[in-house]
C-alpha cells in the first residue's frame, strides 16, 4: 500500500527513478486502486501527511509504520501483536522474527496514537 506517493514533472525524453513510501498489507495479490474506507484508509491518509524518507528514516521508524499497518489490517492491539504470531497479515513475519517484531509493537502503537486509530 502506498502511504506516501511521489509526484514529479518529468520532461519528455528524461528518465527518472521515483521512490514512493510503501508498506506490505496482506495477501499475495496487490490490486491497483484506492483504499475505499476504514482504518486502513485512515492510517494511510495520516501517514501520507508525515514526512517519511526511506533513505533517512530509522529501521525502527519504518517498522513502526509497517507493524501499525499489520495491526490495523488484523484488528490487533500492540499487546496482542507482540504476544503471539497469530494469523493474518503479519503472522508469517512474526513467526520468523518474533523477538524483533514484538519489540516494534511500541513504535507501531505510537503511529496508531498519532493517527488517532484505536485497536
N, C-alpha and C. Protein backbone atom coordinates (compact mmCIF):
# COMPACT_ATOMS: atom_id res chain seq x y z
N UNK A 1 0.86 -1.16 0.00
CA UNK A 1 0.00 0.00 0.00
C UNK A 1 0.91 1.23 0.00
N UNK A 2 0.65 2.14 -0.89
CA UNK A 2 1.43 3.38 -0.94
C UNK A 2 0.89 4.31 0.14
N UNK A 3 1.77 4.70 1.06
CA UNK A 3 1.35 5.63 2.12
C UNK A 3 1.91 7.02 1.91
N UNK A 4 2.89 7.15 1.03
CA UNK A 4 3.41 8.45 0.64
C UNK A 4 3.76 8.42 -0.83
N UNK A 5 2.81 8.91 -1.66
CA UNK A 5 3.09 8.91 -3.10
C UNK A 5 4.15 9.94 -3.43
N UNK A 6 4.72 9.79 -4.60
CA UNK A 6 5.71 10.73 -5.11
C UNK A 6 5.18 11.28 -6.43
N UNK A 7 5.21 12.58 -6.55
CA UNK A 7 4.76 13.21 -7.79
C UNK A 7 5.88 14.10 -8.31
N UNK A 8 6.20 13.93 -9.57
CA UNK A 8 7.24 14.73 -10.22
C UNK A 8 6.81 15.05 -11.64
N UNK A 9 7.18 16.22 -12.11
CA UNK A 9 7.02 16.54 -13.53
C UNK A 9 8.27 16.01 -14.22
N UNK A 10 8.06 15.12 -15.19
CA UNK A 10 9.18 14.51 -15.88
C UNK A 10 9.18 15.01 -17.32
N UNK A 11 10.21 15.75 -17.69
CA UNK A 11 10.27 16.26 -19.05
C UNK A 11 10.35 15.12 -20.07
N UNK A 12 9.83 15.37 -21.23
CA UNK A 12 9.86 14.39 -22.32
C UNK A 12 11.31 13.97 -22.58
N UNK A 13 11.53 12.68 -22.69
CA UNK A 13 12.84 12.14 -23.00
C UNK A 13 13.75 11.95 -21.80
N UNK A 14 13.27 12.30 -20.60
CA UNK A 14 14.08 12.16 -19.39
C UNK A 14 13.61 10.92 -18.63
N UNK A 15 14.56 10.17 -18.14
CA UNK A 15 14.25 9.01 -17.29
C UNK A 15 14.48 9.41 -15.85
N UNK A 16 13.55 9.06 -14.99
CA UNK A 16 13.66 9.41 -13.59
C UNK A 16 13.21 8.24 -12.74
N UNK A 17 13.86 8.03 -11.63
CA UNK A 17 13.50 6.97 -10.71
C UNK A 17 12.75 7.60 -9.54
N UNK A 18 11.56 7.08 -9.24
CA UNK A 18 10.75 7.59 -8.13
C UNK A 18 10.62 6.52 -7.06
N UNK A 19 10.57 6.95 -5.82
CA UNK A 19 10.51 6.02 -4.70
C UNK A 19 9.36 6.37 -3.76
N UNK A 20 8.15 5.87 -4.05
CA UNK A 20 7.06 6.11 -3.10
C UNK A 20 7.31 5.30 -1.83
N UNK A 21 6.75 5.75 -0.72
CA UNK A 21 6.89 5.04 0.54
C UNK A 21 5.75 4.03 0.61
N UNK A 22 6.08 2.75 0.64
CA UNK A 22 5.07 1.70 0.61
C UNK A 22 5.21 0.79 1.82
N UNK A 23 4.10 0.14 2.17
CA UNK A 23 4.11 -0.87 3.22
C UNK A 23 3.42 -2.11 2.69
N UNK A 24 3.79 -3.24 3.23
CA UNK A 24 3.17 -4.51 2.88
C UNK A 24 1.82 -4.59 3.59
N UNK A 25 0.78 -4.96 2.85
CA UNK A 25 -0.50 -5.16 3.50
C UNK A 25 -0.68 -6.65 3.70
N UNK A 26 -1.68 -7.26 3.16
CA UNK A 26 -1.85 -8.69 3.37
C UNK A 26 -2.12 -9.40 2.07
N UNK A 27 -1.90 -10.70 2.07
CA UNK A 27 -2.14 -11.49 0.87
C UNK A 27 -0.98 -11.40 -0.09
N UNK A 28 -1.10 -12.09 -1.21
CA UNK A 28 -0.02 -12.10 -2.19
C UNK A 28 -0.37 -11.35 -3.46
N UNK A 29 -1.63 -10.95 -3.62
CA UNK A 29 -2.04 -10.18 -4.80
C UNK A 29 -2.35 -8.76 -4.35
N UNK A 30 -1.80 -7.79 -5.08
CA UNK A 30 -1.97 -6.40 -4.72
C UNK A 30 -2.65 -5.65 -5.85
N UNK A 31 -3.98 -5.48 -5.76
CA UNK A 31 -4.67 -4.75 -6.82
C UNK A 31 -4.32 -3.26 -6.78
N UNK A 32 -4.30 -2.65 -7.93
CA UNK A 32 -4.04 -1.21 -8.01
C UNK A 32 -5.37 -0.49 -7.83
N UNK A 33 -5.39 0.48 -6.97
CA UNK A 33 -6.61 1.25 -6.73
C UNK A 33 -6.55 1.95 -5.40
N UNK A 34 -7.61 2.62 -5.06
CA UNK A 34 -7.68 3.35 -3.80
C UNK A 34 -8.23 2.45 -2.70
N UNK A 35 -7.79 2.70 -1.48
CA UNK A 35 -8.37 2.04 -0.32
C UNK A 35 -9.67 2.80 -0.04
N UNK A 36 -10.78 2.12 -0.14
CA UNK A 36 -12.07 2.80 -0.11
C UNK A 36 -12.41 3.47 1.21
N UNK A 37 -12.22 2.78 2.31
CA UNK A 37 -12.66 3.33 3.59
C UNK A 37 -12.08 2.53 4.73
N UNK A 38 -12.38 2.96 5.94
CA UNK A 38 -12.00 2.20 7.12
C UNK A 38 -10.64 2.60 7.68
N UNK A 39 -10.19 1.79 8.63
CA UNK A 39 -8.97 2.07 9.37
C UNK A 39 -7.73 2.09 8.48
N UNK A 40 -7.67 1.20 7.49
CA UNK A 40 -6.52 1.19 6.60
C UNK A 40 -6.39 2.52 5.86
N UNK A 41 -7.51 3.02 5.37
CA UNK A 41 -7.50 4.32 4.69
C UNK A 41 -7.10 5.42 5.66
N UNK A 42 -7.68 5.41 6.86
CA UNK A 42 -7.37 6.44 7.86
C UNK A 42 -5.88 6.44 8.20
N UNK A 43 -5.29 5.26 8.37
CA UNK A 43 -3.87 5.18 8.67
C UNK A 43 -3.04 5.69 7.49
N UNK A 44 -3.35 5.23 6.28
CA UNK A 44 -2.60 5.67 5.09
C UNK A 44 -2.73 7.17 4.90
N UNK A 45 -3.92 7.70 5.11
CA UNK A 45 -4.13 9.14 4.97
C UNK A 45 -3.31 9.92 6.00
N UNK A 46 -3.28 9.43 7.22
CA UNK A 46 -2.50 10.08 8.28
C UNK A 46 -1.00 10.04 7.95
N UNK A 47 -0.50 8.87 7.59
CA UNK A 47 0.93 8.73 7.29
C UNK A 47 1.30 9.57 6.07
N UNK A 48 0.38 9.69 5.13
CA UNK A 48 0.63 10.46 3.92
C UNK A 48 0.96 11.91 4.24
N UNK A 49 0.49 12.41 5.37
CA UNK A 49 0.74 13.80 5.75
C UNK A 49 2.02 13.97 6.58
N UNK A 50 2.73 12.90 6.79
CA UNK A 50 4.01 12.95 7.51
C UNK A 50 5.15 12.96 6.50
N UNK A 51 6.30 13.44 6.91
CA UNK A 51 7.46 13.44 6.02
C UNK A 51 8.35 12.25 6.35
N UNK A 52 8.16 11.17 5.62
CA UNK A 52 8.97 9.98 5.79
C UNK A 52 9.90 9.85 4.59
N UNK A 53 11.14 9.57 4.86
CA UNK A 53 12.11 9.40 3.78
C UNK A 53 12.81 8.07 4.00
N UNK A 54 12.55 7.07 3.13
CA UNK A 54 13.15 5.75 3.31
C UNK A 54 14.68 5.79 3.39
N UNK A 55 15.29 6.85 2.84
CA UNK A 55 16.75 6.95 2.88
C UNK A 55 17.28 7.43 4.23
N UNK A 56 16.44 8.13 5.00
CA UNK A 56 16.91 8.68 6.28
C UNK A 56 16.11 8.21 7.49
N UNK A 57 14.97 7.58 7.27
CA UNK A 57 14.15 7.10 8.37
C UNK A 57 14.82 5.89 9.01
N UNK A 58 14.80 5.82 10.33
CA UNK A 58 15.44 4.70 11.01
C UNK A 58 14.66 3.40 10.76
N UNK A 59 15.34 2.29 10.94
CA UNK A 59 14.70 0.98 10.80
C UNK A 59 13.50 0.87 11.73
N UNK A 60 13.67 1.33 12.96
CA UNK A 60 12.59 1.23 13.94
C UNK A 60 11.38 2.06 13.50
N UNK A 61 11.61 3.25 12.96
CA UNK A 61 10.51 4.08 12.48
C UNK A 61 9.80 3.42 11.30
N UNK A 62 10.58 2.88 10.35
CA UNK A 62 9.98 2.21 9.20
C UNK A 62 9.17 0.99 9.64
N UNK A 63 9.72 0.21 10.55
CA UNK A 63 9.00 -0.97 11.02
C UNK A 63 7.77 -0.57 11.84
N UNK A 64 7.84 0.56 12.53
CA UNK A 64 6.66 1.04 13.25
C UNK A 64 5.50 1.29 12.30
N UNK A 65 5.79 1.90 11.16
CA UNK A 65 4.75 2.13 10.15
C UNK A 65 4.24 0.79 9.62
N UNK A 66 5.15 -0.15 9.34
CA UNK A 66 4.75 -1.45 8.82
C UNK A 66 3.91 -2.22 9.83
N UNK A 67 4.37 -2.29 11.06
CA UNK A 67 3.63 -3.03 12.08
C UNK A 67 2.27 -2.39 12.33
N UNK A 68 2.21 -1.05 12.36
CA UNK A 68 0.92 -0.37 12.54
C UNK A 68 -0.05 -0.78 11.43
N UNK A 69 0.47 -0.92 10.21
CA UNK A 69 -0.37 -1.33 9.08
C UNK A 69 -0.91 -2.74 9.30
N UNK A 70 -0.04 -3.66 9.74
CA UNK A 70 -0.50 -5.02 10.02
C UNK A 70 -1.48 -5.05 11.18
N UNK A 71 -1.23 -4.25 12.21
CA UNK A 71 -2.14 -4.21 13.36
C UNK A 71 -3.52 -3.75 12.92
N UNK A 72 -3.58 -2.74 12.07
CA UNK A 72 -4.86 -2.25 11.56
C UNK A 72 -5.51 -3.32 10.69
N UNK A 73 -4.73 -3.94 9.80
CA UNK A 73 -5.27 -4.97 8.91
C UNK A 73 -5.84 -6.14 9.70
N UNK A 74 -5.17 -6.50 10.79
CA UNK A 74 -5.58 -7.66 11.59
C UNK A 74 -6.48 -7.29 12.76
N UNK A 75 -6.72 -5.99 12.99
CA UNK A 75 -7.56 -5.57 14.12
C UNK A 75 -6.95 -5.93 15.46
N UNK A 76 -5.63 -5.79 15.60
CA UNK A 76 -4.94 -6.20 16.81
C UNK A 76 -4.41 -4.99 17.57
N UNK A 77 -4.33 -5.13 18.89
CA UNK A 77 -3.67 -4.13 19.72
C UNK A 77 -2.17 -4.43 19.73
N UNK A 78 -1.39 -3.49 20.25
CA UNK A 78 0.06 -3.71 20.35
C UNK A 78 0.36 -4.92 21.23
N UNK A 79 -0.37 -5.07 22.34
CA UNK A 79 -0.15 -6.21 23.23
C UNK A 79 -0.46 -7.53 22.52
N UNK A 80 -1.56 -7.57 21.80
CA UNK A 80 -1.92 -8.79 21.07
C UNK A 80 -0.89 -9.11 20.00
N UNK A 81 -0.43 -8.08 19.31
CA UNK A 81 0.53 -8.30 18.23
C UNK A 81 1.85 -8.82 18.76
N UNK A 82 2.33 -8.25 19.86
CA UNK A 82 3.63 -8.67 20.38
C UNK A 82 3.56 -9.97 21.17
N UNK A 83 2.37 -10.39 21.60
CA UNK A 83 2.24 -11.58 22.42
C UNK A 83 2.31 -12.88 21.62
N UNK A 84 1.83 -12.85 20.39
CA UNK A 84 1.72 -14.09 19.65
C UNK A 84 1.78 -13.83 18.15
N UNK A 85 2.40 -14.75 17.41
CA UNK A 85 2.40 -14.60 15.96
C UNK A 85 1.00 -14.61 15.37
N UNK A 86 0.09 -15.40 15.93
CA UNK A 86 -1.29 -15.43 15.47
C UNK A 86 -1.42 -15.74 13.99
N UNK A 87 -2.43 -15.13 13.39
CA UNK A 87 -2.71 -15.31 11.98
C UNK A 87 -2.89 -13.95 11.36
N UNK A 88 -2.94 -13.90 10.05
CA UNK A 88 -3.21 -12.65 9.36
C UNK A 88 -1.98 -12.09 8.67
N UNK A 89 -2.05 -10.79 8.39
CA UNK A 89 -1.04 -10.13 7.55
C UNK A 89 0.38 -10.28 8.07
N UNK A 90 0.59 -10.13 9.36
CA UNK A 90 1.94 -10.16 9.90
C UNK A 90 2.38 -11.51 10.45
N UNK A 91 1.54 -12.53 10.36
CA UNK A 91 1.82 -13.80 11.03
C UNK A 91 3.10 -14.48 10.58
N UNK A 92 3.30 -14.60 9.29
CA UNK A 92 4.49 -15.29 8.80
C UNK A 92 5.75 -14.56 9.22
N UNK A 93 5.74 -13.24 9.10
CA UNK A 93 6.90 -12.45 9.50
C UNK A 93 7.11 -12.55 11.01
N UNK A 94 6.02 -12.52 11.78
CA UNK A 94 6.14 -12.62 13.24
C UNK A 94 6.76 -13.95 13.64
N UNK A 95 6.39 -15.02 12.99
CA UNK A 95 6.95 -16.32 13.34
C UNK A 95 8.45 -16.34 13.10
N UNK A 96 8.90 -15.67 12.08
CA UNK A 96 10.31 -15.67 11.73
C UNK A 96 11.12 -14.71 12.61
N UNK A 97 10.56 -13.57 12.88
CA UNK A 97 11.27 -12.53 13.63
C UNK A 97 10.54 -12.18 14.93
N UNK A 98 10.00 -13.14 15.63
CA UNK A 98 9.11 -12.85 16.75
C UNK A 98 9.70 -11.90 17.78
N UNK A 99 10.92 -12.07 18.18
CA UNK A 99 11.51 -11.19 19.19
C UNK A 99 11.67 -9.77 18.67
N UNK A 100 12.26 -9.66 17.49
CA UNK A 100 12.47 -8.33 16.90
C UNK A 100 11.14 -7.66 16.61
N UNK A 101 10.22 -8.38 15.99
CA UNK A 101 8.95 -7.80 15.62
C UNK A 101 8.13 -7.40 16.85
N UNK A 102 8.17 -8.21 17.88
CA UNK A 102 7.45 -7.87 19.10
C UNK A 102 7.93 -6.57 19.69
N UNK A 103 9.23 -6.30 19.58
CA UNK A 103 9.76 -5.05 20.12
C UNK A 103 9.34 -3.85 19.29
N UNK A 104 8.81 -4.07 18.10
CA UNK A 104 8.37 -2.98 17.23
C UNK A 104 6.91 -2.60 17.46
N UNK A 105 6.23 -3.33 18.34
CA UNK A 105 4.82 -3.01 18.60
C UNK A 105 4.66 -1.63 19.23
N UNK A 106 5.61 -1.23 20.06
CA UNK A 106 5.50 0.09 20.70
C UNK A 106 5.59 1.22 19.68
N UNK A 107 6.60 1.23 18.76
CA UNK A 107 6.60 2.28 17.74
C UNK A 107 5.36 2.24 16.85
N UNK A 108 4.84 1.05 16.61
CA UNK A 108 3.62 0.92 15.81
C UNK A 108 2.45 1.57 16.55
N UNK A 109 2.38 1.32 17.86
CA UNK A 109 1.30 1.91 18.64
C UNK A 109 1.42 3.43 18.64
N UNK A 110 2.64 3.95 18.63
CA UNK A 110 2.84 5.40 18.56
C UNK A 110 2.21 5.96 17.27
N UNK A 111 2.36 5.23 16.16
CA UNK A 111 1.73 5.67 14.91
C UNK A 111 0.22 5.63 15.02
N UNK A 112 -0.31 4.57 15.61
CA UNK A 112 -1.76 4.47 15.75
C UNK A 112 -2.28 5.59 16.64
N UNK A 113 -1.54 5.92 17.70
CA UNK A 113 -1.94 7.03 18.57
C UNK A 113 -1.88 8.35 17.82
N UNK A 114 -0.79 8.56 17.10
CA UNK A 114 -0.61 9.80 16.33
C UNK A 114 -1.75 9.97 15.31
N UNK A 115 -2.16 8.86 14.71
CA UNK A 115 -3.21 8.88 13.69
C UNK A 115 -4.60 8.74 14.30
N UNK A 116 -4.66 8.71 15.62
CA UNK A 116 -5.93 8.61 16.36
C UNK A 116 -6.75 7.41 15.94
N UNK A 117 -6.06 6.25 15.82
CA UNK A 117 -6.74 4.99 15.48
C UNK A 117 -6.68 4.09 16.70
N UNK A 118 -7.83 3.62 17.10
CA UNK A 118 -7.89 2.70 18.24
C UNK A 118 -8.06 1.28 17.74
N UNK A 119 -7.32 0.37 18.34
CA UNK A 119 -7.40 -1.04 18.00
C UNK A 119 -8.03 -1.77 19.15
